[in-house]
C-alpha atoms as a PDB file:
ATOM      1  CA  MET A   1    -138.546  21.106-268.080  1.00  0.00           C
ATOM      2  CA  PRO A   2    -136.913  21.561-264.639  1.00  0.00           C
ATOM      3  CA  THR A   3    -139.038  21.990-261.570  1.00  0.00           C
ATOM      4  CA  PRO A   4    -139.237  25.649-260.490  1.00  0.00           C
ATOM      5  CA  GLU A   5    -137.379  26.599-257.350  1.00  0.00           C
ATOM      6  CA  ARG A   6    -139.766  26.892-254.415  1.00  0.00           C
ATOM      7  CA  THR A   7    -137.381  28.183-251.790  1.00  0.00           C
ATOM      8  CA  SER A   8    -133.982  29.794-251.489  1.00  0.00           C
ATOM      9  CA  LEU A   9    -131.078  29.232-249.146  1.00  0.00           C
ATOM     10  CA  ALA A  10    -131.829  32.612-247.534  1.00  0.00           C
ATOM     11  CA  GLU A  11    -135.438  31.531-246.811  1.00  0.00           C
ATOM     12  CA  ILE A  12    -134.240  28.232-245.409  1.00  0.00           C
ATOM     13  CA  VAL A  13    -131.740  29.939-243.116  1.00  0.00           C
ATOM     14  CA  ARG A  14    -134.280  32.533-241.993  1.00  0.00           C
ATOM     15  CA  ALA A  15    -136.745  29.721-241.196  1.00  0.00           C
ATOM     16  CA  GLY A  16    -133.979  27.951-239.274  1.00  0.00           C
ATOM     17  CA  GLN A  17    -133.313  31.076-237.230  1.00  0.00           C
ATOM     18  CA  GLU A  18    -137.015  31.475-236.445  1.00  0.00           C
ATOM     19  CA  LEU A  19    -137.353  27.841-235.398  1.00  0.00           C
ATOM     20  CA  LEU A  20    -134.244  28.114-233.258  1.00  0.00           C
ATOM     21  CA  GLU A  21    -135.741  31.063-231.389  1.00  0.00           C
ATOM     22  CA  ASP A  22    -139.114  29.307-231.110  1.00  0.00           C
ATOM     23  CA  GLY A  23    -137.802  26.150-229.520  1.00  0.00           C
ATOM     24  CA  GLY A  24    -134.035  25.986-229.214  1.00  0.00           C
ATOM     25  CA  PRO A  25    -131.639  23.772-231.146  1.00  0.00           C
ATOM     26  CA  ALA A  26    -133.839  20.681-230.817  1.00  0.00           C
ATOM     27  CA  ARG A  27    -136.539  22.444-232.838  1.00  0.00           C
ATOM     28  CA  LEU A  28    -134.107  23.071-235.697  1.00  0.00           C
ATOM     29  CA  THR A  29    -134.633  19.989-237.860  1.00  0.00           C
ATOM     30  CA  MET A  30    -134.701  19.532-241.601  1.00  0.00           C
ATOM     31  CA  GLN A  31    -138.358  18.508-241.355  1.00  0.00           C
ATOM     32  CA  SER A  32    -139.402  21.559-239.330  1.00  0.00           C
ATOM     33  CA  VAL A  33    -137.536  23.906-241.682  1.00  0.00           C
ATOM     34  CA  ALA A  34    -139.147  22.242-244.700  1.00  0.00           C
ATOM     35  CA  GLU A  35    -142.587  22.679-243.159  1.00  0.00           C
ATOM     36  CA  ARG A  36    -141.838  26.335-242.352  1.00  0.00           C
ATOM     37  CA  VAL A  37    -140.791  27.150-245.936  1.00  0.00           C
ATOM     38  CA  GLY A  38    -143.558  25.059-247.507  1.00  0.00           C
ATOM     39  CA  VAL A  39    -141.609  22.250-249.136  1.00  0.00           C
ATOM     40  CA  ARG A  40    -140.966  18.596-248.423  1.00  0.00           C
ATOM     41  CA  ALA A  41    -137.819  17.819-246.453  1.00  0.00           C
ATOM     42  CA  PRO A  42    -135.976  16.126-249.360  1.00  0.00           C
ATOM     43  CA  SER A  43    -136.237  19.406-251.300  1.00  0.00           C
ATOM     44  CA  LEU A  44    -134.017  21.125-248.745  1.00  0.00           C
ATOM     45  CA  TYR A  45    -131.095  18.937-249.705  1.00  0.00           C
ATOM     46  CA  LYS A  46    -130.835  20.863-252.981  1.00  0.00           C
ATOM     47  CA  ARG A  47    -129.699  23.835-250.895  1.00  0.00           C
ATOM     48  CA  VAL A  48    -128.359  22.383-247.625  1.00  0.00           C
ATOM     49  CA  ARG A  49    -126.249  19.234-247.419  1.00  0.00           C
ATOM     50  CA  ASP A  50    -127.547  18.097-243.993  1.00  0.00           C
ATOM     51  CA  ARG A  51    -128.543  19.352-240.545  1.00  0.00           C
ATOM     52  CA  ASP A  52    -124.940  20.207-239.673  1.00  0.00           C
ATOM     53  CA  ALA A  53    -124.725  22.421-242.759  1.00  0.00           C
ATOM     54  CA  LEU A  54    -128.075  23.976-241.858  1.00  0.00           C
ATOM     55  CA  LEU A  55    -126.826  24.673-238.342  1.00  0.00           C
ATOM     56  CA  ALA A  56    -123.607  26.188-239.704  1.00  0.00           C
ATOM     57  CA  ALA A  57    -125.601  28.436-242.044  1.00  0.00           C
ATOM     58  CA  VAL A  58    -127.838  29.549-239.165  1.00  0.00           C
ATOM     59  CA  VAL A  59    -124.776  30.299-237.016  1.00  0.00           C
ATOM     60  CA  ALA A  60    -123.165  32.333-239.814  1.00  0.00           C
ATOM     61  CA  ALA A  61    -126.370  34.292-240.450  1.00  0.00           C
ATOM     62  CA  THR A  62    -126.830  34.923-236.733  1.00  0.00           C
ATOM     63  CA  LEU A  63    -123.280  36.212-236.436  1.00  0.00           C
ATOM     64  CA  ASP A  64    -123.889  38.427-239.487  1.00  0.00           C
ATOM     65  CA  ASP A  65    -127.000  39.814-237.744  1.00  0.00           C
ATOM     66  CA  LEU A  66    -124.965  40.584-234.642  1.00  0.00           C
ATOM     67  CA  THR A  67    -122.240  42.193-236.748  1.00  0.00           C
ATOM     68  CA  GLY A  68    -124.816  44.443-238.386  1.00  0.00           C
ATOM     69  CA  ARG A  69    -126.118  45.566-235.030  1.00  0.00           C
ATOM     70  CA  LEU A  70    -122.622  46.295-233.764  1.00  0.00           C
ATOM     71  CA  ALA A  71    -121.841  48.273-236.922  1.00  0.00           C
ATOM     72  CA  ALA A  72    -125.053  50.279-236.487  1.00  0.00           C
ATOM     73  CA  SER A  73    -124.095  51.295-232.928  1.00  0.00           C
ATOM     74  CA  ASP A  74    -122.131  54.443-232.193  1.00  0.00           C
ATOM     75  CA  ARG A  75    -119.092  52.113-231.920  1.00  0.00           C
ATOM     76  CA  SER A  76    -118.194  53.330-228.455  1.00  0.00           C
ATOM     77  CA  LEU A  77    -117.407  50.688-225.862  1.00  0.00           C
ATOM     78  CA  GLU A  78    -120.772  51.352-224.232  1.00  0.00           C
ATOM     79  CA  GLY A  79    -122.705  51.437-227.506  1.00  0.00           C
ATOM     80  CA  LEU A  80    -121.191  48.172-228.651  1.00  0.00           C
ATOM     81  CA  ALA A  81    -121.886  46.468-225.322  1.00  0.00           C
ATOM     82  CA  ARG A  82    -125.498  47.711-225.327  1.00  0.00           C
ATOM     83  CA  ALA A  83    -125.980  46.490-228.917  1.00  0.00           C
ATOM     84  CA  TYR A  84    -124.497  43.118-227.944  1.00  0.00           C
ATOM     85  CA  ARG A  85    -126.795  42.827-224.941  1.00  0.00           C
ATOM     86  CA  ALA A  86    -129.868  43.899-226.940  1.00  0.00           C
ATOM     87  CA  PHE A  87    -129.053  41.307-229.586  1.00  0.00           C
ATOM     88  CA  ALA A  88    -128.827  38.600-226.917  1.00  0.00           C
ATOM     89  CA  HIS A  89    -132.218  39.603-225.536  1.00  0.00           C
ATOM     90  CA  ASP A  90    -133.801  39.687-228.981  1.00  0.00           C
ATOM     91  CA  ARG A  91    -132.201  36.421-230.142  1.00  0.00           C
ATOM     92  CA  PRO A  92    -131.313  34.437-226.998  1.00  0.00           C
ATOM     93  CA  GLU A  93    -131.143  31.035-228.668  1.00  0.00           C
ATOM     94  CA  GLY A  94    -129.048  32.398-231.520  1.00  0.00           C
ATOM     95  CA  PHE A  95    -126.793  34.121-228.998  1.00  0.00           C
ATOM     96  CA  ARG A  96    -126.309  30.866-227.101  1.00  0.00           C
ATOM     97  CA  LEU A  97    -125.676  28.970-230.317  1.00  0.00           C
ATOM     98  CA  LEU A  98    -122.815  31.311-231.195  1.00  0.00           C
ATOM     99  CA  PHE A  99    -120.941  29.923-228.184  1.00  0.00           C
ATOM    100  CA  ALA A 100    -121.922  26.303-228.759  1.00  0.00           C
ATOM    101  CA  SER A 101    -120.423  26.113-232.238  1.00  0.00           C
ATOM    102  CA  ALA A 102    -117.475  27.317-234.251  1.00  0.00           C
ATOM    103  CA  PRO A 103    -118.563  30.164-236.535  1.00  0.00           C
ATOM    104  CA  PRO A 104    -116.558  30.699-239.725  1.00  0.00           C
ATOM    105  CA  GLN A 105    -113.346  32.659-239.129  1.00  0.00           C
ATOM    106  CA  ASP A 106    -114.195  35.360-241.678  1.00  0.00           C
ATOM    107  CA  ALA A 107    -117.501  36.008-239.913  1.00  0.00           C
ATOM    108  CA  LEU A 108    -115.708  36.176-236.554  1.00  0.00           C
ATOM    109  CA  ASP A 109    -113.204  38.633-238.000  1.00  0.00           C
ATOM    110  CA  ARG A 110    -116.024  40.880-239.239  1.00  0.00           C
ATOM    111  CA  SER A 111    -117.905  40.725-235.945  1.00  0.00           C
ATOM    112  CA  SER A 112    -114.826  41.513-233.861  1.00  0.00           C
ATOM    113  CA  ALA A 113    -113.704  44.519-235.912  1.00  0.00           C
ATOM    114  CA  ALA A 114    -115.900  47.043-234.091  1.00  0.00           C
ATOM    115  CA  ILE A 115    -114.876  46.037-230.564  1.00  0.00           C
ATOM    116  CA  LEU A 116    -111.225  45.871-231.586  1.00  0.00           C
ATOM    117  CA  GLY A 117    -111.503  49.401-232.981  1.00  0.00           C
ATOM    118  CA  SER A 118    -113.143  50.691-229.818  1.00  0.00           C
ATOM    119  CA  ALA A 119    -110.555  48.941-227.638  1.00  0.00           C
ATOM    120  CA  ARG A 120    -107.736  50.344-229.781  1.00  0.00           C
ATOM    121  CA  GLU A 121    -109.036  53.866-229.184  1.00  0.00           C
ATOM    122  CA  LEU A 122    -109.009  53.271-225.426  1.00  0.00           C
ATOM    123  CA  VAL A 123    -105.723  51.435-224.929  1.00  0.00           C
ATOM    124  CA  GLY A 124    -103.746  51.700-228.165  1.00  0.00           C
ATOM    125  CA  ASP A 125    -102.554  49.019-230.535  1.00  0.00           C
ATOM    126  CA  GLU A 126    -100.408  47.122-228.054  1.00  0.00           C
ATOM    127  CA  HIS A 127    -103.292  46.023-225.791  1.00  0.00           C
ATOM    128  CA  ALA A 128    -106.306  46.309-228.113  1.00  0.00           C
ATOM    129  CA  LEU A 129    -106.846  42.561-228.419  1.00  0.00           C
ATOM    130  CA  GLU A 130    -106.587  41.990-224.675  1.00  0.00           C
ATOM    131  CA  ALA A 131    -108.989  44.875-223.965  1.00  0.00           C
ATOM    132  CA  ALA A 132    -111.471  43.629-226.559  1.00  0.00           C
ATOM    133  CA  ARG A 133    -111.340  40.160-225.017  1.00  0.00           C
ATOM    134  CA  LEU A 134    -111.875  41.581-221.528  1.00  0.00           C
ATOM    135  CA  VAL A 135    -114.940  43.573-222.565  1.00  0.00           C
ATOM    136  CA  THR A 136    -116.371  40.719-224.625  1.00  0.00           C
ATOM    137  CA  ALA A 137    -115.840  38.183-221.847  1.00  0.00           C
ATOM    138  CA  TRP A 138    -117.426  40.457-219.239  1.00  0.00           C
ATOM    139  CA  ALA A 139    -120.411  41.325-221.451  1.00  0.00           C
ATOM    140  CA  THR A 140    -120.911  37.690-222.476  1.00  0.00           C
ATOM    141  CA  GLY A 141    -120.797  36.488-218.894  1.00  0.00           C
ATOM    142  CA  PHE A 142    -123.188  39.189-217.742  1.00  0.00           C
ATOM    143  CA  VAL A 143    -125.647  38.486-220.536  1.00  0.00           C
ATOM    144  CA  GLN A 144    -125.432  34.694-220.157  1.00  0.00           C
ATOM    145  CA  MET A 145    -126.183  35.023-216.441  1.00  0.00           C
ATOM    146  CA  GLU A 146    -128.978  37.487-217.158  1.00  0.00           C
ATOM    147  CA  LEU A 147    -130.607  35.206-219.730  1.00  0.00           C
ATOM    148  CA  ALA A 148    -130.343  32.264-217.323  1.00  0.00           C
ATOM    149  CA  GLY A 149    -132.020  34.228-214.528  1.00  0.00           C
ATOM    150  CA  ALA A 150    -128.916  33.891-212.370  1.00  0.00           C
ATOM    151  CA  PHE A 151    -129.023  37.399-210.884  1.00  0.00           C
ATOM    152  CA  ARG A 152    -131.314  36.729-207.938  1.00  0.00           C
ATOM    153  CA  LEU A 153    -130.193  39.256-205.327  1.00  0.00           C
ATOM    154  CA  GLY A 154    -132.389  42.070-206.588  1.00  0.00           C
ATOM    155  CA  GLY A 155    -131.281  45.405-207.904  1.00  0.00           C
ATOM    156  CA  ASP A 156    -131.640  46.861-211.360  1.00  0.00           C
ATOM    157  CA  LEU A 157    -129.764  44.914-214.021  1.00  0.00           C
ATOM    158  CA  ASP A 158    -129.606  47.891-216.363  1.00  0.00           C
ATOM    159  CA  ASP A 159    -127.867  49.846-213.603  1.00  0.00           C
ATOM    160  CA  ALA A 160    -125.524  46.921-212.937  1.00  0.00           C
ATOM    161  CA  PHE A 161    -124.660  46.693-216.637  1.00  0.00           C
ATOM    162  CA  ALA A 162    -123.986  50.438-216.832  1.00  0.00           C
ATOM    163  CA  PHE A 163    -121.848  50.238-213.678  1.00  0.00           C
ATOM    164  CA  GLY A 164    -119.825  47.393-215.163  1.00  0.00           C
ATOM    165  CA  LEU A 165    -119.260  49.309-218.397  1.00  0.00           C
ATOM    166  CA  ALA A 166    -118.209  52.456-216.562  1.00  0.00           C
ATOM    167  CA  THR A 167    -115.816  50.447-214.403  1.00  0.00           C
ATOM    168  CA  LEU A 168    -114.341  48.712-217.440  1.00  0.00           C
ATOM    169  CA  ARG A 169    -113.883  52.038-219.228  1.00  0.00           C
ATOM    170  CA  ARG A 170    -112.076  53.547-216.227  1.00  0.00           C
ATOM    171  CA  GLY A 171    -109.866  50.515-215.881  1.00  0.00           C
ATOM    172  CA  LEU A 172    -109.022  50.394-219.566  1.00  0.00           C
ATOM    173  CA  ALA A 173    -108.383  54.140-219.701  1.00  0.00           C
ATOM    174  CA  ALA A 174    -105.799  53.686-216.934  1.00  0.00           C
ATOM    175  CA  THR A 175    -103.902  51.070-218.976  1.00  0.00           C
ATOM    176  CA  PRO A 176    -100.281  52.179-219.352  1.00  0.00           C
END
């Protein structure tokens, strides 16, 4: 009689995401995930080939989480940027990991759909990709600096973020 399954891939990935947020990428080991889900480390290999596969699964799940948050926003430029920023604050290690690895292309396509749609509404089809890249690059840079504590001159960061979004919207709206 086969041994009953004691954990699922979804539980393993969720445990990986939790460990990542608890202690960064170094905390994400097969042993720590096994302990978190209540099995011995060799049991994980029934579901995950190795640590690289575990990391890839965590990245894909994290990107899916972000995509869900973007889809749940009002899909305006501002709503998407606020959802993106909130995600980064809620899941800073996952956010950082998205830029330290190569997520699957299909997941990237899903996550970019909302910002491409918003950009298309602002600038039309011809410049939608460029506008989406501009907004994403600005928001990513702002959030990365914010998470790193790099804004040290005072002032309200929420106000600065809103100012940046308003300025981007005006600039994009003026695109010929």
